[in-house]
Amino acid sequence: MTDTADHNLLALAAHRELLGQILDRWSLSVLTELCEAPRRFNELRRAVPGVTQKSLTNTLRRLERNGIVERRVVNTRPVAVEYRITPLGKTAREPIDALLLWASTNLPRIEESRRRFDDASDE
């Protein structure tokens, strides 16, 4: 392989990793909530149906590591932690909304394709 091809493969792997972390099962729901307003951990946990404490913690850490979410200690008694979307995270909203719109618009066609595929596989 050429140096350019190696570089392109590495870049693709990095993009795939990042998108996997932003578009995973819980991240989209967390980002949707945080785009509306900052939230404390338990507020997020209540707002995202089915998420476990461990999954939410891992999701928030991943998003924080990528600069999409920031964590802030709130000086209250007891001490609380609040999460908010960063300016970088806000820039992801438009492409994510576009992808979600595409999925909503095309879901009936996709479901029909799945049904045809599954029917053909059963034969």
PDB file of N, CA and C in Angstrom:
ATOM      1  N   MET A   1       0.825  -1.179   0.000  1.00  0.00           N
ATOM      2  CA  MET A   1       0.000   0.000   0.000  1.00  0.00           C
ATOM      3  C   MET A   1       0.870   1.245   0.000  1.00  0.00           C
ATOM      4  N   THR A   2       0.325   2.305  -0.554  1.00  0.00           N
ATOM      5  CA  THR A   2       1.056   3.564  -0.586  1.00  0.00           C
ATOM      6  C   THR A   2       0.876   4.294   0.738  1.00  0.00           C
ATOM      7  N   ASP A   3       1.724   5.288   0.963  1.00  0.00           N
ATOM      8  CA  ASP A   3       1.602   6.093   2.176  1.00  0.00           C
ATOM      9  C   ASP A   3       0.251   6.803   2.219  1.00  0.00           C
ATOM     10  N   THR A   4      -0.225   7.264   1.060  1.00  0.00           N
ATOM     11  CA  THR A   4      -1.516   7.946   0.995  1.00  0.00           C
ATOM     12  C   THR A   4      -2.647   6.991   1.366  1.00  0.00           C
ATOM     13  N   ALA A   5      -2.591   5.771   0.848  1.00  0.00           N
ATOM     14  CA  ALA A   5      -3.633   4.783   1.157  1.00  0.00           C
ATOM     15  C   ALA A   5      -3.604   4.437   2.648  1.00  0.00           C
ATOM     16  N   ASP A   6      -2.404   4.282   3.212  1.00  0.00           N
ATOM     17  CA  ASP A   6      -2.296   4.008   4.647  1.00  0.00           C
ATOM     18  C   ASP A   6      -2.882   5.148   5.462  1.00  0.00           C
ATOM     19  N   HIS A   7      -2.570   6.380   5.066  1.00  0.00           N
ATOM     20  CA  HIS A   7      -3.085   7.552   5.768  1.00  0.00           C
ATOM     21  C   HIS A   7      -4.613   7.600   5.685  1.00  0.00           C
ATOM     22  N   ASN A   8      -5.157   7.326   4.509  1.00  0.00           N
ATOM     23  CA  ASN A   8      -6.614   7.341   4.328  1.00  0.00           C
ATOM     24  C   ASN A   8      -7.290   6.278   5.185  1.00  0.00           C
ATOM     25  N   LEU A   9      -6.691   5.093   5.280  1.00  0.00           N
ATOM     26  CA  LEU A   9      -7.259   4.037   6.119  1.00  0.00           C
ATOM     27  C   LEU A   9      -7.234   4.426   7.592  1.00  0.00           C
ATOM     28  N   LEU A  10      -6.140   5.039   8.030  1.00  0.00           N
ATOM     29  CA  LEU A  10      -6.051   5.483   9.420  1.00  0.00           C
ATOM     30  C   LEU A  10      -7.076   6.577   9.707  1.00  0.00           C
ATOM     31  N   ALA A  11      -7.225   7.514   8.778  1.00  0.00           N
ATOM     32  CA  ALA A  11      -8.209   8.585   8.948  1.00  0.00           C
ATOM     33  C   ALA A  11      -9.619   8.006   9.003  1.00  0.00           C
ATOM     34  N   LEU A  12      -9.909   7.056   8.134  1.00  0.00           N
ATOM     35  CA  LEU A  12     -11.226   6.428   8.126  1.00  0.00           C
ATOM     36  C   LEU A  12     -11.489   5.715   9.449  1.00  0.00           C
ATOM     37  N   ALA A  13     -10.487   5.036   9.973  1.00  0.00           N
ATOM     38  CA  ALA A  13     -10.647   4.343  11.253  1.00  0.00           C
ATOM     39  C   ALA A  13     -10.917   5.349  12.377  1.00  0.00           C
ATOM     40  N   ALA A  14     -10.219   6.471  12.364  1.00  0.00           N
ATOM     41  CA  ALA A  14     -10.435   7.494  13.387  1.00  0.00           C
ATOM     42  C   ALA A  14     -11.839   8.087  13.277  1.00  0.00           C
ATOM     43  N   HIS A  15     -12.292   8.347  12.055  1.00  0.00           N
ATOM     44  CA  HIS A  15     -13.645   8.872  11.853  1.00  0.00           C
ATOM     45  C   HIS A  15     -14.692   7.870  12.326  1.00  0.00           C
ATOM     46  N   ARG A  16     -14.467   6.612  11.980  1.00  0.00           N
ATOM     47  CA  ARG A  16     -15.419   5.559  12.359  1.00  0.00           C
ATOM     48  C   ARG A  16     -15.505   5.454  13.883  1.00  0.00           C
ATOM     49  N   GLU A  17     -14.350   5.521  14.553  1.00  0.00           N
ATOM     50  CA  GLU A  17     -14.337   5.446  16.016  1.00  0.00           C
ATOM     51  C   GLU A  17     -15.108   6.620  16.620  1.00  0.00           C
ATOM     52  N   LEU A  18     -14.838   7.836  16.147  1.00  0.00           N
ATOM     53  CA  LEU A  18     -15.508   9.015  16.665  1.00  0.00           C
ATOM     54  C   LEU A  18     -17.011   8.949  16.424  1.00  0.00           C
ATOM     55  N   LEU A  19     -17.416   8.623  15.213  1.00  0.00           N
ATOM     56  CA  LEU A  19     -18.848   8.544  14.911  1.00  0.00           C
ATOM     57  C   LEU A  19     -19.524   7.447  15.728  1.00  0.00           C
ATOM     58  N   GLY A  20     -18.834   6.358  15.939  1.00  0.00           N
ATOM     59  CA  GLY A  20     -19.373   5.294  16.776  1.00  0.00           C
ATOM     60  C   GLY A  20     -19.617   5.761  18.198  1.00  0.00           C
ATOM     61  N   GLN A  21     -18.756   6.638  18.680  1.00  0.00           N
ATOM     62  CA  GLN A  21     -18.894   7.144  20.044  1.00  0.00           C
ATOM     63  C   GLN A  21     -19.966   8.221  20.157  1.00  0.00           C
ATOM     64  N   ILE A  22     -20.186   8.973  19.097  1.00  0.00           N
ATOM     65  CA  ILE A  22     -21.190  10.045  19.134  1.00  0.00           C
ATOM     66  C   ILE A  22     -22.579   9.539  18.773  1.00  0.00           C
ATOM     67  N   LEU A  23     -22.637   8.531  17.897  1.00  0.00           N
ATOM     68  CA  LEU A  23     -23.927   8.048  17.402  1.00  0.00           C
ATOM     69  C   LEU A  23     -24.341   6.717  18.029  1.00  0.00           C
ATOM     70  N   ASP A  24     -23.751   6.357  19.154  1.00  0.00           N
ATOM     71  CA  ASP A  24     -24.093   5.070  19.754  1.00  0.00           C
ATOM     72  C   ASP A  24     -25.468   5.116  20.421  1.00  0.00           C
ATOM     73  N   ARG A  25     -25.823   4.027  21.015  1.00  0.00           N
ATOM     74  CA  ARG A  25     -27.177   3.841  21.553  1.00  0.00           C
ATOM     75  C   ARG A  25     -27.615   4.950  22.517  1.00  0.00           C
ATOM     76  N   TRP A  26     -26.741   5.370  23.418  1.00  0.00           N
ATOM     77  CA  TRP A  26     -27.141   6.326  24.442  1.00  0.00           C
ATOM     78  C   TRP A  26     -26.722   7.753  24.130  1.00  0.00           C
ATOM     79  N   SER A  27     -25.675   7.934  23.364  1.00  0.00           N
ATOM     80  CA  SER A  27     -25.146   9.279  23.125  1.00  0.00           C
ATOM     81  C   SER A  27     -26.158  10.204  22.468  1.00  0.00           C
ATOM     82  N   LEU A  28     -26.891   9.706  21.487  1.00  0.00           N
ATOM     83  CA  LEU A  28     -27.883  10.559  20.815  1.00  0.00           C
ATOM     84  C   LEU A  28     -28.926  11.086  21.794  1.00  0.00           C
ATOM     85  N   SER A  29     -29.392  10.234  22.679  1.00  0.00           N
ATOM     86  CA  SER A  29     -30.397  10.671  23.664  1.00  0.00           C
ATOM     87  C   SER A  29     -29.795  11.670  24.646  1.00  0.00           C
ATOM     88  N   VAL A  30     -28.580  11.404  25.093  1.00  0.00           N
ATOM     89  CA  VAL A  30     -27.908  12.317  26.019  1.00  0.00           C
ATOM     90  C   VAL A  30     -27.680  13.665  25.349  1.00  0.00           C
ATOM     91  N   LEU A  31     -27.193  13.651  24.113  1.00  0.00           N
ATOM     92  CA  LEU A  31     -26.943  14.901  23.398  1.00  0.00           C
ATOM     93  C   LEU A  31     -28.233  15.680  23.167  1.00  0.00           C
ATOM     94  N   THR A  32     -29.304  14.990  22.855  1.00  0.00           N
ATOM     95  CA  THR A  32     -30.598  15.650  22.671  1.00  0.00           C
ATOM     96  C   THR A  32     -30.998  16.379  23.950  1.00  0.00           C
ATOM     97  N   GLU A  33     -30.844  15.724  25.079  1.00  0.00           N
ATOM     98  CA  GLU A  33     -31.188  16.353  26.361  1.00  0.00           C
ATOM     99  C   GLU A  33     -30.290  17.544  26.663  1.00  0.00           C
ATOM    100  N   LEU A  34     -28.998  17.386  26.447  1.00  0.00           N
ATOM    101  CA  LEU A  34     -28.056  18.449  26.795  1.00  0.00           C
ATOM    102  C   LEU A  34     -28.128  19.628  25.834  1.00  0.00           C
ATOM    103  N   CYS A  35     -28.607  19.408  24.622  1.00  0.00           N
ATOM    104  CA  CYS A  35     -28.797  20.531  23.697  1.00  0.00           C
ATOM    105  C   CYS A  35     -29.923  21.435  24.179  1.00  0.00           C
ATOM    106  N   GLU A  36     -30.844  20.886  24.935  1.00  0.00           N
ATOM    107  CA  GLU A  36     -31.959  21.671  25.463  1.00  0.00           C
ATOM    108  C   GLU A  36     -31.537  22.497  26.666  1.00  0.00           C
ATOM    109  N   ALA A  37     -30.757  21.886  27.567  1.00  0.00           N
ATOM    110  CA  ALA A  37     -30.325  22.587  28.786  1.00  0.00           C
ATOM    111  C   ALA A  37     -29.308  21.720  29.516  1.00  0.00           C
ATOM    112  N   PRO A  38     -28.470  22.342  30.343  1.00  0.00           N
ATOM    113  CA  PRO A  38     -27.568  21.544  31.186  1.00  0.00           C
ATOM    114  C   PRO A  38     -28.394  20.647  32.104  1.00  0.00           C
ATOM    115  N   ARG A  39     -27.842  19.502  32.431  1.00  0.00           N
ATOM    116  CA  ARG A  39     -28.566  18.544  33.276  1.00  0.00           C
ATOM    117  C   ARG A  39     -27.609  17.923  34.299  1.00  0.00           C
ATOM    118  N   ARG A  40     -28.158  17.617  35.437  1.00  0.00           N
ATOM    119  CA  ARG A  40     -27.434  16.830  36.430  1.00  0.00           C
ATOM    120  C   ARG A  40     -27.548  15.367  36.036  1.00  0.00           C
ATOM    121  N   PHE A  41     -26.655  14.565  36.607  1.00  0.00           N
ATOM    122  CA  PHE A  41     -26.587  13.154  36.246  1.00  0.00           C
ATOM    123  C   PHE A  41     -27.944  12.467  36.392  1.00  0.00           C
ATOM    124  N   ASN A  42     -28.575  12.626  37.557  1.00  0.00           N
ATOM    125  CA  ASN A  42     -29.852  11.927  37.783  1.00  0.00           C
ATOM    126  C   ASN A  42     -30.974  12.451  36.901  1.00  0.00           C
ATOM    127  N   GLU A  43     -30.913  13.723  36.528  1.00  0.00           N
ATOM    128  CA  GLU A  43     -31.895  14.253  35.574  1.00  0.00           C
ATOM    129  C   GLU A  43     -31.735  13.552  34.227  1.00  0.00           C
ATOM    130  N   LEU A  44     -30.487  13.384  33.813  1.00  0.00           N
ATOM    131  CA  LEU A  44     -30.236  12.675  32.555  1.00  0.00           C
ATOM    132  C   LEU A  44     -30.701  11.234  32.640  1.00  0.00           C
ATOM    133  N   ARG A  45     -30.407  10.617  33.759  1.00  0.00           N
ATOM    134  CA  ARG A  45     -30.791   9.207  33.928  1.00  0.00           C
ATOM    135  C   ARG A  45     -32.307   9.034  33.828  1.00  0.00           C
ATOM    136  N   ARG A  46     -33.050   9.956  34.401  1.00  0.00           N
ATOM    137  CA  ARG A  46     -34.520   9.891  34.306  1.00  0.00           C
ATOM    138  C   ARG A  46     -35.009  10.218  32.898  1.00  0.00           C
ATOM    139  N   ALA A  47     -34.296  11.096  32.203  1.00  0.00           N
ATOM    140  CA  ALA A  47     -34.730  11.553  30.876  1.00  0.00           C
ATOM    141  C   ALA A  47     -34.421  10.551  29.766  1.00  0.00           C
ATOM    142  N   VAL A  48     -33.490   9.636  30.003  1.00  0.00           N
ATOM    143  CA  VAL A  48     -33.094   8.661  28.981  1.00  0.00           C
ATOM    144  C   VAL A  48     -33.602   7.283  29.419  1.00  0.00           C
ATOM    145  N   PRO A  49     -34.750   6.876  28.900  1.00  0.00           N
ATOM    146  CA  PRO A  49     -35.352   5.609  29.325  1.00  0.00           C
ATOM    147  C   PRO A  49     -34.440   4.414  29.050  1.00  0.00           C
ATOM    148  N   GLY A  50     -34.308   3.573  30.056  1.00  0.00           N
ATOM    149  CA  GLY A  50     -33.578   2.318  29.891  1.00  0.00           C
ATOM    150  C   GLY A  50     -32.084   2.394  30.121  1.00  0.00           C
ATOM    151  N   VAL A  51     -31.523   3.588  30.268  1.00  0.00           N
ATOM    152  CA  VAL A  51     -30.079   3.684  30.461  1.00  0.00           C
ATOM    153  C   VAL A  51     -29.740   3.314  31.903  1.00  0.00           C
ATOM    154  N   THR A  52     -28.681   2.539  32.063  1.00  0.00           N
ATOM    155  CA  THR A  52     -28.218   2.194  33.400  1.00  0.00           C
ATOM    156  C   THR A  52     -27.233   3.253  33.872  1.00  0.00           C
ATOM    157  N   GLN A  53     -26.980   3.266  35.157  1.00  0.00           N
ATOM    158  CA  GLN A  53     -26.019   4.226  35.715  1.00  0.00           C
ATOM    159  C   GLN A  53     -24.646   4.025  35.072  1.00  0.00           C
ATOM    160  N   LYS A  54     -24.238   2.780  34.918  1.00  0.00           N
ATOM    161  CA  LYS A  54     -22.933   2.485  34.326  1.00  0.00           C
ATOM    162  C   LYS A  54     -22.860   2.949  32.868  1.00  0.00           C
ATOM    163  N   SER A  55     -23.899   2.666  32.090  1.00  0.00           N
ATOM    164  CA  SER A  55     -23.915   3.072  30.673  1.00  0.00           C
ATOM    165  C   SER A  55     -23.909   4.589  30.540  1.00  0.00           C
ATOM    166  N   LEU A  56     -24.674   5.269  31.380  1.00  0.00           N
ATOM    167  CA  LEU A  56     -24.719   6.728  31.322  1.00  0.00           C
ATOM    168  C   LEU A  56     -23.365   7.316  31.711  1.00  0.00           C
ATOM    169  N   THR A  57     -22.754   6.766  32.751  1.00  0.00           N
ATOM    170  CA  THR A  57     -21.426   7.227  33.164  1.00  0.00           C
ATOM    171  C   THR A  57     -20.419   7.059  32.031  1.00  0.00           C
ATOM    172  N   ASN A  58     -20.406   5.894  31.416  1.00  0.00           N
ATOM    173  CA  ASN A  58     -19.475   5.637  30.307  1.00  0.00           C
ATOM    174  C   ASN A  58     -19.742   6.559  29.120  1.00  0.00           C
ATOM    175  N   THR A  59     -21.012   6.776  28.808  1.00  0.00           N
ATOM    176  CA  THR A  59     -21.382   7.656  27.697  1.00  0.00           C
ATOM    177  C   THR A  59     -20.913   9.081  27.961  1.00  0.00           C
ATOM    178  N   LEU A  60     -21.174   9.577  29.156  1.00  0.00           N
ATOM    179  CA  LEU A  60     -20.772  10.944  29.495  1.00  0.00           C
ATOM    180  C   LEU A  60     -19.253  11.102  29.482  1.00  0.00           C
ATOM    181  N   ARG A  61     -18.541  10.113  29.972  1.00  0.00           N
ATOM    182  CA  ARG A  61     -17.069  10.170  29.960  1.00  0.00           C
ATOM    183  C   ARG A  61     -16.536  10.192  28.531  1.00  0.00           C
ATOM    184  N   ARG A  62     -17.118   9.361  27.680  1.00  0.00           N
ATOM    185  CA  ARG A  62     -16.699   9.315  26.270  1.00  0.00           C
ATOM    186  C   ARG A  62     -16.960  10.650  25.578  1.00  0.00           C
ATOM    187  N   LEU A  63     -18.142  11.211  25.807  1.00  0.00           N
ATOM    188  CA  LEU A  63     -18.485  12.490  25.195  1.00  0.00           C
ATOM    189  C   LEU A  63     -17.611  13.616  25.760  1.00  0.00           C
ATOM    190  N   GLU A  64     -17.305  13.545  27.044  1.00  0.00           N
ATOM    191  CA  GLU A  64     -16.428  14.546  27.649  1.00  0.00           C
ATOM    192  C   GLU A  64     -15.011  14.423  27.074  1.00  0.00           C
ATOM    193  N   ARG A  65     -14.516  13.213  26.942  1.00  0.00           N
ATOM    194  CA  ARG A  65     -13.176  12.985  26.388  1.00  0.00           C
ATOM    195  C   ARG A  65     -13.058  13.553  24.976  1.00  0.00           C
ATOM    196  N   ASN A  66     -14.145  13.455  24.200  1.00  0.00           N
ATOM    197  CA  ASN A  66     -14.144  13.952  22.821  1.00  0.00           C
ATOM    198  C   ASN A  66     -14.440  15.448  22.725  1.00  0.00           C
ATOM    199  N   GLY A  67     -14.649  16.104  23.856  1.00  0.00           N
ATOM    200  CA  GLY A  67     -14.879  17.541  23.840  1.00  0.00           C
ATOM    201  C   GLY A  67     -16.296  17.945  23.465  1.00  0.00           C
ATOM    202  N   ILE A  68     -17.217  16.995  23.499  1.00  0.00           N
ATOM    203  CA  ILE A  68     -18.600  17.241  23.095  1.00  0.00           C
ATOM    204  C   ILE A  68     -19.436  17.717  24.292  1.00  0.00           C
ATOM    205  N   VAL A  69     -19.075  17.234  25.473  1.00  0.00           N
ATOM    206  CA  VAL A  69     -19.796  17.535  26.709  1.00  0.00           C
ATOM    207  C   VAL A  69     -18.771  17.986  27.744  1.00  0.00           C
ATOM    208  N   GLU A  70     -19.186  18.899  28.612  1.00  0.00           N
ATOM    209  CA  GLU A  70     -18.311  19.259  29.728  1.00  0.00           C
ATOM    210  C   GLU A  70     -19.006  18.955  31.039  1.00  0.00           C
ATOM    211  N   ARG A  71     -18.202  18.609  32.005  1.00  0.00           N
ATOM    212  CA  ARG A  71     -18.662  18.249  33.344  1.00  0.00           C
ATOM    213  C   ARG A  71     -18.277  19.380  34.272  1.00  0.00           C
ATOM    214  N   ARG A  72     -19.240  19.806  35.102  1.00  0.00           N
ATOM    215  CA  ARG A  72     -18.975  20.910  36.022  1.00  0.00           C
ATOM    216  C   ARG A  72     -19.490  20.535  37.406  1.00  0.00           C
ATOM    217  N   VAL A  73     -18.649  20.702  38.401  1.00  0.00           N
ATOM    218  CA  VAL A  73     -19.050  20.446  39.779  1.00  0.00           C
ATOM    219  C   VAL A  73     -19.816  21.668  40.275  1.00  0.00           C
ATOM    220  N   VAL A  74     -21.020  21.418  40.772  1.00  0.00           N
ATOM    221  CA  VAL A  74     -21.875  22.480  41.293  1.00  0.00           C
ATOM    222  C   VAL A  74     -21.679  22.528  42.803  1.00  0.00           C
ATOM    223  N   ASN A  75     -21.326  23.682  43.305  1.00  0.00           N
ATOM    224  CA  ASN A  75     -21.002  23.848  44.716  1.00  0.00           C
ATOM    225  C   ASN A  75     -22.268  23.964  45.554  1.00  0.00           C
ATOM    226  N   THR A  76     -22.933  22.829  45.736  1.00  0.00           N
ATOM    227  CA  THR A  76     -24.147  22.771  46.546  1.00  0.00           C
ATOM    228  C   THR A  76     -23.932  21.730  47.625  1.00  0.00           C
ATOM    229  N   ARG A  77     -24.881  21.601  48.499  1.00  0.00           N
ATOM    230  CA  ARG A  77     -24.817  20.540  49.514  1.00  0.00           C
ATOM    231  C   ARG A  77     -25.992  19.619  49.297  1.00  0.00           C
ATOM    232  N   PRO A  78     -25.815  18.368  48.982  1.00  0.00           N
ATOM    233  CA  PRO A  78     -24.519  17.763  48.670  1.00  0.00           C
ATOM    234  C   PRO A  78     -24.000  18.269  47.317  1.00  0.00           C
ATOM    235  N   VAL A  79     -22.713  18.095  47.124  1.00  0.00           N
ATOM    236  CA  VAL A  79     -22.082  18.511  45.869  1.00  0.00           C
ATOM    237  C   VAL A  79     -22.727  17.751  44.721  1.00  0.00           C
ATOM    238  N   ALA A  80     -22.991  18.446  43.635  1.00  0.00           N
ATOM    239  CA  ALA A  80     -23.618  17.823  42.466  1.00  0.00           C
ATOM    240  C   ALA A  80     -22.730  18.048  41.253  1.00  0.00           C
ATOM    241  N   VAL A  81     -22.993  17.274  40.222  1.00  0.00           N
ATOM    242  CA  VAL A  81     -22.272  17.411  38.961  1.00  0.00           C
ATOM    243  C   VAL A  81     -23.290  17.716  37.877  1.00  0.00           C
ATOM    244  N   GLU A  82     -22.964  18.691  37.056  1.00  0.00           N
ATOM    245  CA  GLU A  82     -23.838  19.090  35.959  1.00  0.00           C
ATOM    246  C   GLU A  82     -23.081  18.886  34.649  1.00  0.00           C
ATOM    247  N   TYR A  83     -23.812  18.443  33.652  1.00  0.00           N
ATOM    248  CA  TYR A  83     -23.238  18.246  32.324  1.00  0.00           C
ATOM    249  C   TYR A  83     -23.887  19.218  31.367  1.00  0.00           C
ATOM    250  N   ARG A  84     -23.085  19.729  30.438  1.00  0.00           N
ATOM    251  CA  ARG A  84     -23.606  20.648  29.428  1.00  0.00           C
ATOM    252  C   ARG A  84     -22.899  20.383  28.112  1.00  0.00           C
ATOM    253  N   ILE A  85     -23.566  20.747  27.052  1.00  0.00           N
ATOM    254  CA  ILE A  85     -22.999  20.599  25.705  1.00  0.00           C
ATOM    255  C   ILE A  85     -21.945  21.697  25.529  1.00  0.00           C
ATOM    256  N   THR A  86     -20.866  21.393  24.863  1.00  0.00           N
ATOM    257  CA  THR A  86     -19.821  22.388  24.596  1.00  0.00           C
ATOM    258  C   THR A  86     -20.115  23.084  23.259  1.00  0.00           C
ATOM    259  N   PRO A  87     -19.410  24.164  22.976  1.00  0.00           N
ATOM    260  CA  PRO A  87     -19.570  24.779  21.653  1.00  0.00           C
ATOM    261  C   PRO A  87     -19.266  23.790  20.521  1.00  0.00           C
ATOM    262  N   LEU A  88     -18.257  22.953  20.708  1.00  0.00           N
ATOM    263  CA  LEU A  88     -17.965  21.919  19.705  1.00  0.00           C
ATOM    264  C   LEU A  88     -19.136  20.956  19.579  1.00  0.00           C
ATOM    265  N   GLY A  89     -19.706  20.555  20.699  1.00  0.00           N
ATOM    266  CA  GLY A  89     -20.850  19.654  20.678  1.00  0.00           C
ATOM    267  C   GLY A  89     -22.046  20.248  19.958  1.00  0.00           C
ATOM    268  N   LYS A  90     -22.236  21.560  20.118  1.00  0.00           N
ATOM    269  CA  LYS A  90     -23.352  22.225  19.436  1.00  0.00           C
ATOM    270  C   LYS A  90     -23.214  22.148  17.920  1.00  0.00           C
ATOM    271  N   THR A  91     -21.978  22.108  17.419  1.00  0.00           N
ATOM    272  CA  THR A  91     -21.780  22.030  15.970  1.00  0.00           C
ATOM    273  C   THR A  91     -22.195  20.676  15.413  1.00  0.00           C
ATOM    274  N   ALA A  92     -22.328  19.674  16.264  1.00  0.00           N
ATOM    275  CA  ALA A  92     -22.748  18.341  15.804  1.00  0.00           C
ATOM    276  C   ALA A  92     -24.261  18.248  15.640  1.00  0.00           C
ATOM    277  N   ARG A  93     -24.984  19.179  16.198  1.00  0.00           N
ATOM    278  CA  ARG A  93     -26.449  19.085  16.182  1.00  0.00           C
ATOM    279  C   ARG A  93     -27.025  19.076  14.775  1.00  0.00           C
ATOM    280  N   GLU A  94     -26.584  19.971  13.914  1.00  0.00           N
ATOM    281  CA  GLU A  94     -27.145  20.058  12.562  1.00  0.00           C
ATOM    282  C   GLU A  94     -26.930  18.768  11.766  1.00  0.00           C
ATOM    283  N   PRO A  95     -25.709  18.218  11.700  1.00  0.00           N
ATOM    284  CA  PRO A  95     -25.566  16.969  10.938  1.00  0.00           C
ATOM    285  C   PRO A  95     -26.298  15.783  11.579  1.00  0.00           C
ATOM    286  N   ILE A  96     -26.364  15.756  12.908  1.00  0.00           N
ATOM    287  CA  ILE A  96     -27.102  14.672  13.574  1.00  0.00           C
ATOM    288  C   ILE A  96     -28.589  14.800  13.269  1.00  0.00           C
ATOM    289  N   ASP A  97     -29.121  16.026  13.347  1.00  0.00           N
ATOM    290  CA  ASP A  97     -30.537  16.236  13.011  1.00  0.00           C
ATOM    291  C   ASP A  97     -30.819  15.839  11.567  1.00  0.00           C
ATOM    292  N   ALA A  98     -29.883  16.144  10.658  1.00  0.00           N
ATOM    293  CA  ALA A  98     -30.063  15.771   9.248  1.00  0.00           C
ATOM    294  C   ALA A  98     -30.095  14.255   9.096  1.00  0.00           C
ATOM    295  N   LEU A  99     -29.232  13.556   9.804  1.00  0.00           N
ATOM    296  CA  LEU A  99     -29.205  12.097   9.746  1.00  0.00           C
ATOM    297  C   LEU A  99     -30.489  11.499  10.321  1.00  0.00           C
ATOM    298  N   LEU A 100     -30.967  12.064  11.431  1.00  0.00           N
ATOM    299  CA  LEU A 100     -32.216  11.583  12.021  1.00  0.00           C
ATOM    300  C   LEU A 100     -33.412  11.847  11.106  1.00  0.00           C
ATOM    301  N   LEU A 101     -33.413  12.993  10.432  1.00  0.00           N
ATOM    302  CA  LEU A 101     -34.473  13.294   9.465  1.00  0.00           C
ATOM    303  C   LEU A 101     -34.436  12.302   8.309  1.00  0.00           C
ATOM    304  N   TRP A 102     -33.230  12.018   7.807  1.00  0.00           N
ATOM    305  CA  TRP A 102     -33.086  11.031   6.736  1.00  0.00           C
ATOM    306  C   TRP A 102     -33.655   9.682   7.183  1.00  0.00           C
ATOM    307  N   ALA A 103     -33.307   9.265   8.406  1.00  0.00           N
ATOM    308  CA  ALA A 103     -33.792   7.979   8.912  1.00  0.00           C
ATOM    309  C   ALA A 103     -35.314   7.979   9.027  1.00  0.00           C
ATOM    310  N   SER A 104     -35.878   9.042   9.555  1.00  0.00           N
ATOM    311  CA  SER A 104     -37.340   9.122   9.690  1.00  0.00           C
ATOM    312  C   SER A 104     -38.026   9.108   8.335  1.00  0.00           C
ATOM    313  N   THR A 105     -37.480   9.851   7.402  1.00  0.00           N
ATOM    314  CA  THR A 105     -38.074   9.945   6.073  1.00  0.00           C
ATOM    315  C   THR A 105     -38.022   8.606   5.341  1.00  0.00           C
ATOM    316  N   ASN A 106     -36.931   7.893   5.502  1.00  0.00           N
ATOM    317  CA  ASN A 106     -36.715   6.665   4.735  1.00  0.00           C
ATOM    318  C   ASN A 106     -37.036   5.380   5.484  1.00  0.00           C
ATOM    319  N   LEU A 107     -37.439   5.488   6.741  1.00  0.00           N
ATOM    320  CA  LEU A 107     -37.706   4.289   7.529  1.00  0.00           C
ATOM    321  C   LEU A 107     -38.728   3.349   6.883  1.00  0.00           C
ATOM    322  N   PRO A 108     -39.837   3.854   6.322  1.00  0.00           N
ATOM    323  CA  PRO A 108     -40.770   2.919   5.682  1.00  0.00           C
ATOM    324  C   PRO A 108     -40.116   2.123   4.537  1.00  0.00           C
ATOM    325  N   ARG A 109     -39.303   2.770   3.727  1.00  0.00           N
ATOM    326  CA  ARG A 109     -38.612   2.067   2.631  1.00  0.00           C
ATOM    327  C   ARG A 109     -37.595   1.071   3.173  1.00  0.00           C
ATOM    328  N   ILE A 110     -36.918   1.453   4.233  1.00  0.00           N
ATOM    329  CA  ILE A 110     -35.928   0.565   4.841  1.00  0.00           C
ATOM    330  C   ILE A 110     -36.613  -0.652   5.461  1.00  0.00           C
ATOM    331  N   GLU A 111     -37.730  -0.421   6.146  1.00  0.00           N
ATOM    332  CA  GLU A 111     -38.473  -1.537   6.740  1.00  0.00           C
ATOM    333  C   GLU A 111     -38.984  -2.486   5.661  1.00  0.00           C
ATOM    334  N   GLU A 112     -39.433  -1.946   4.534  1.00  0.00           N
ATOM    335  CA  GLU A 112     -39.884  -2.783   3.415  1.00  0.00           C
ATOM    336  C   GLU A 112     -38.719  -3.596   2.863  1.00  0.00           C
ATOM    337  N   SER A 113     -37.569  -2.989   2.719  1.00  0.00           N
ATOM    338  CA  SER A 113     -36.386  -3.712   2.244  1.00  0.00           C
ATOM    339  C   SER A 113     -36.002  -4.825   3.214  1.00  0.00           C
ATOM    340  N   ARG A 114     -36.063  -4.531   4.497  1.00  0.00           N
ATOM    341  CA  ARG A 114     -35.758  -5.557   5.509  1.00  0.00           C
ATOM    342  C   ARG A 114     -36.734  -6.718   5.415  1.00  0.00           C
ATOM    343  N   ARG A 115     -38.019  -6.374   5.264  1.00  0.00           N
ATOM    344  CA  ARG A 115     -39.042  -7.421   5.173  1.00  0.00           C
ATOM    345  C   ARG A 115     -38.789  -8.315   3.966  1.00  0.00           C
ATOM    346  N   ARG A 116     -38.505  -7.703   2.795  1.00  0.00           N
ATOM    347  CA  ARG A 116     -38.229  -8.483   1.588  1.00  0.00           C
ATOM    348  C   ARG A 116     -36.993  -9.353   1.767  1.00  0.00           C
ATOM    349  N   PHE A 117     -35.958  -8.806   2.361  1.00  0.00           N
ATOM    350  CA  PHE A 117     -34.729  -9.558   2.609  1.00  0.00           C
ATOM    351  C   PHE A 117     -34.996 -10.739   3.535  1.00  0.00           C
ATOM    352  N   ASP A 118     -35.700 -10.463   4.643  1.00  0.00           N
ATOM    353  CA  ASP A 118     -35.994 -11.510   5.621  1.00  0.00           C
ATOM    354  C   ASP A 118     -36.880 -12.600   5.017  1.00  0.00           C
ATOM    355  N   ASP A 119     -37.866 -12.194   4.207  1.00  0.00           N
ATOM    356  CA  ASP A 119     -38.730 -13.175   3.533  1.00  0.00           C
ATOM    357  C   ASP A 119     -37.929 -14.049   2.595  1.00  0.00           C
ATOM    358  N   ALA A 120     -37.013 -13.451   1.851  1.00  0.00           N
ATOM    359  CA  ALA A 120     -36.183 -14.227   0.917  1.00  0.00           C
ATOM    360  C   ALA A 120     -35.228 -15.142   1.663  1.00  0.00           C
ATOM    361  N   SER A 121     -34.772 -14.715   2.830  1.00  0.00           N
ATOM    362  CA  SER A 121     -33.863 -15.544   3.639  1.00  0.00           C
ATOM    363  C   SER A 121     -34.566 -16.740   4.235  1.00  0.00           C
ATOM    364  N   ASP A 122     -35.885 -16.610   4.476  1.00  0.00           N
ATOM    365  CA  ASP A 122     -36.658 -17.696   5.069  1.00  0.00           C
ATOM    366  C   ASP A 122     -36.946 -18.809   4.071  1.00  0.00           C
ATOM    367  N   GLU A 123     -36.808 -18.486   2.796  1.00  0.00           N
ATOM    368  CA  GLU A 123     -37.167 -19.482   1.767  1.00  0.00           C
ATOM    369  C   GLU A 123     -36.100 -20.527   1.604  1.00  0.00           C
TER     370      GLU A 123
END
